[in-house]
Amino acid sequence: MALNVRLSDRARADIEEIAEYLEQNWSAKVKMDFLIGITDKMEAISEMPHMCRESANQPGVRECVVNKHIIIYYRIVDNRLINVLSIRNTRRNNS
């Protein structure tokens, strides 16, 4: 059974910021690839919440690599919900 995925306000802001950055600095295609990749990975996490490794720095937080530039940070809540905390673009220092 798939878990529901909830985006934090920070994760939503991260998606918007990264999408804008990609369109301005790369292309609309790269932006769309990012959005599709994020959506696909969140669907996979929903089906297999333990598929990504636990963070060495933040107990209870999992790190899911979308591609070599994008990492999703999330927490599994009561085995019922995926709470996406943030999304990092490794092309930039946006910690």
C-alpha atoms as a PDB file:
ATOM      1  CA  MET A   1       0.000   0.000   0.000  1.00  0.00           C
ATOM      2  CA  ALA A   2       1.392   3.371  -1.043  1.00  0.00           C
ATOM      3  CA  LEU A   3       1.945   6.020   1.600  1.00  0.00           C
ATOM      4  CA  ASN A   4       0.711   9.562   1.138  1.00  0.00           C
ATOM      5  CA  VAL A   5       3.378  12.151   0.347  1.00  0.00           C
ATOM      6  CA  ARG A   6       3.252  15.580   1.951  1.00  0.00           C
ATOM      7  CA  LEU A   7       5.552  18.411   0.907  1.00  0.00           C
ATOM      8  CA  SER A   8       6.699  20.821   3.588  1.00  0.00           C
ATOM      9  CA  ASP A   9       6.583  24.528   2.814  1.00  0.00           C
ATOM     10  CA  ARG A  10      10.359  24.429   2.467  1.00  0.00           C
ATOM     11  CA  ALA A  11      10.198  21.543  -0.033  1.00  0.00           C
ATOM     12  CA  ARG A  12       7.627  23.436  -2.119  1.00  0.00           C
ATOM     13  CA  ALA A  13       9.837  26.526  -2.076  1.00  0.00           C
ATOM     14  CA  ASP A  14      12.858  24.390  -3.000  1.00  0.00           C
ATOM     15  CA  ILE A  15      11.036  22.950  -6.023  1.00  0.00           C
ATOM     16  CA  GLU A  16      10.010  26.406  -7.225  1.00  0.00           C
ATOM     17  CA  GLU A  17      13.492  27.841  -6.683  1.00  0.00           C
ATOM     18  CA  ILE A  18      15.263  24.949  -8.406  1.00  0.00           C
ATOM     19  CA  ALA A  19      12.824  24.969 -11.343  1.00  0.00           C
ATOM     20  CA  GLU A  20      13.344  28.710 -11.820  1.00  0.00           C
ATOM     21  CA  TYR A  21      17.126  28.341 -11.553  1.00  0.00           C
ATOM     22  CA  LEU A  22      17.173  25.512 -14.114  1.00  0.00           C
ATOM     23  CA  GLU A  23      15.037  27.406 -16.605  1.00  0.00           C
ATOM     24  CA  GLN A  24      17.124  30.585 -16.270  1.00  0.00           C
ATOM     25  CA  ASN A  25      20.546  28.922 -16.287  1.00  0.00           C
ATOM     26  CA  TRP A  26      19.978  25.783 -18.373  1.00  0.00           C
ATOM     27  CA  SER A  27      16.751  25.356 -20.357  1.00  0.00           C
ATOM     28  CA  ALA A  28      13.025  24.697 -20.169  1.00  0.00           C
ATOM     29  CA  LYS A  29      13.749  21.047 -21.024  1.00  0.00           C
ATOM     30  CA  VAL A  30      16.123  20.669 -18.069  1.00  0.00           C
ATOM     31  CA  LYS A  31      13.450  22.234 -15.857  1.00  0.00           C
ATOM     32  CA  MET A  32      10.824  19.767 -17.120  1.00  0.00           C
ATOM     33  CA  ASP A  33      13.220  16.840 -16.678  1.00  0.00           C
ATOM     34  CA  PHE A  34      13.715  17.964 -13.067  1.00  0.00           C
ATOM     35  CA  LEU A  35       9.961  18.181 -12.401  1.00  0.00           C
ATOM     36  CA  ILE A  36       9.311  14.780 -13.987  1.00  0.00           C
ATOM     37  CA  GLY A  37      12.229  13.230 -12.091  1.00  0.00           C
ATOM     38  CA  ILE A  38      10.993  14.615  -8.762  1.00  0.00           C
ATOM     39  CA  THR A  39       7.456  13.376  -9.419  1.00  0.00           C
ATOM     40  CA  ASP A  40       8.631   9.910 -10.460  1.00  0.00           C
ATOM     41  CA  LYS A  41      10.933   9.578  -7.447  1.00  0.00           C
ATOM     42  CA  MET A  42       8.219  10.671  -5.009  1.00  0.00           C
ATOM     43  CA  GLU A  43       5.879   8.058  -6.472  1.00  0.00           C
ATOM     44  CA  ALA A  44       8.584   5.414  -5.990  1.00  0.00           C
ATOM     45  CA  ILE A  45       9.228   6.558  -2.403  1.00  0.00           C
ATOM     46  CA  SER A  46       5.491   6.365  -1.755  1.00  0.00           C
ATOM     47  CA  GLU A  47       5.501   2.700  -2.830  1.00  0.00           C
ATOM     48  CA  MET A  48       8.838   1.806  -1.182  1.00  0.00           C
ATOM     49  CA  PRO A  49       9.483   4.296   1.630  1.00  0.00           C
ATOM     50  CA  HIS A  50      12.622   2.534   2.889  1.00  0.00           C
ATOM     51  CA  MET A  51      14.292   2.405  -0.533  1.00  0.00           C
ATOM     52  CA  CYS A  52      16.620   5.332   0.196  1.00  0.00           C
ATOM     53  CA  ARG A  53      19.423   5.434   2.723  1.00  0.00           C
ATOM     54  CA  GLU A  54      19.195   7.054   6.120  1.00  0.00           C
ATOM     55  CA  SER A  55      21.102  10.278   6.549  1.00  0.00           C
ATOM     56  CA  ALA A  56      24.350   9.969   8.466  1.00  0.00           C
ATOM     57  CA  ASN A  57      23.867  13.507   9.812  1.00  0.00           C
ATOM     58  CA  GLN A  58      20.153  13.552  10.628  1.00  0.00           C
ATOM     59  CA  PRO A  59      18.645  10.522  12.392  1.00  0.00           C
ATOM     60  CA  GLY A  60      15.252   9.545  11.004  1.00  0.00           C
ATOM     61  CA  VAL A  61      15.771  11.457   7.768  1.00  0.00           C
ATOM     62  CA  ARG A  62      16.259   9.634   4.479  1.00  0.00           C
ATOM     63  CA  GLU A  63      18.199  10.898   1.461  1.00  0.00           C
ATOM     64  CA  CYS A  64      16.939   9.973  -1.981  1.00  0.00           C
ATOM     65  CA  VAL A  65      19.097  10.753  -4.987  1.00  0.00           C
ATOM     66  CA  VAL A  66      16.970  11.768  -7.972  1.00  0.00           C
ATOM     67  CA  ASN A  67      20.020  12.347 -10.174  1.00  0.00           C
ATOM     68  CA  LYS A  68      23.581  13.526  -9.628  1.00  0.00           C
ATOM     69  CA  HIS A  69      22.335  17.060  -8.907  1.00  0.00           C
ATOM     70  CA  ILE A  70      19.086  16.586  -6.955  1.00  0.00           C
ATOM     71  CA  ILE A  71      18.529  15.004  -3.522  1.00  0.00           C
ATOM     72  CA  ILE A  72      15.187  14.641  -1.720  1.00  0.00           C
ATOM     73  CA  TYR A  73      15.242  14.641   2.096  1.00  0.00           C
ATOM     74  CA  TYR A  74      12.239  13.018   3.755  1.00  0.00           C
ATOM     75  CA  ARG A  75      10.975  11.408   6.922  1.00  0.00           C
ATOM     76  CA  ILE A  76       8.584   8.467   7.279  1.00  0.00           C
ATOM     77  CA  VAL A  77       5.865   9.375   9.793  1.00  0.00           C
ATOM     78  CA  ASP A  78       4.178   6.478  11.632  1.00  0.00           C
ATOM     79  CA  ASN A  79       4.569   4.225   8.569  1.00  0.00           C
ATOM     80  CA  ARG A  80       1.626   6.119   7.060  1.00  0.00           C
ATOM     81  CA  LEU A  81       3.051   9.300   5.585  1.00  0.00           C
ATOM     82  CA  ILE A  82       6.113  10.524   3.709  1.00  0.00           C
ATOM     83  CA  ASN A  83       6.984  14.049   4.836  1.00  0.00           C
ATOM     84  CA  VAL A  84       9.294  15.642   2.258  1.00  0.00           C
ATOM     85  CA  LEU A  85      11.441  18.064   4.244  1.00  0.00           C
ATOM     86  CA  SER A  86      13.571  19.637   1.520  1.00  0.00           C
ATOM     87  CA  ILE A  87      15.059  19.175  -1.916  1.00  0.00           C
ATOM     88  CA  ARG A  88      18.668  20.079  -2.577  1.00  0.00           C
ATOM     89  CA  ASN A  89      20.222  21.142  -5.853  1.00  0.00           C
ATOM     90  CA  THR A  90      23.900  20.187  -5.647  1.00  0.00           C
ATOM     91  CA  ARG A  91      24.646  22.521  -8.585  1.00  0.00           C
ATOM     92  CA  ARG A  92      24.314  25.330  -6.064  1.00  0.00           C
ATOM     93  CA  ASN A  93      24.999  25.819  -2.395  1.00  0.00           C
ATOM     94  CA  ASN A  94      21.379  26.285  -1.295  1.00  0.00           C
ATOM     95  CA  SER A  95      21.526  24.712   2.146  1.00  0.00           C
END
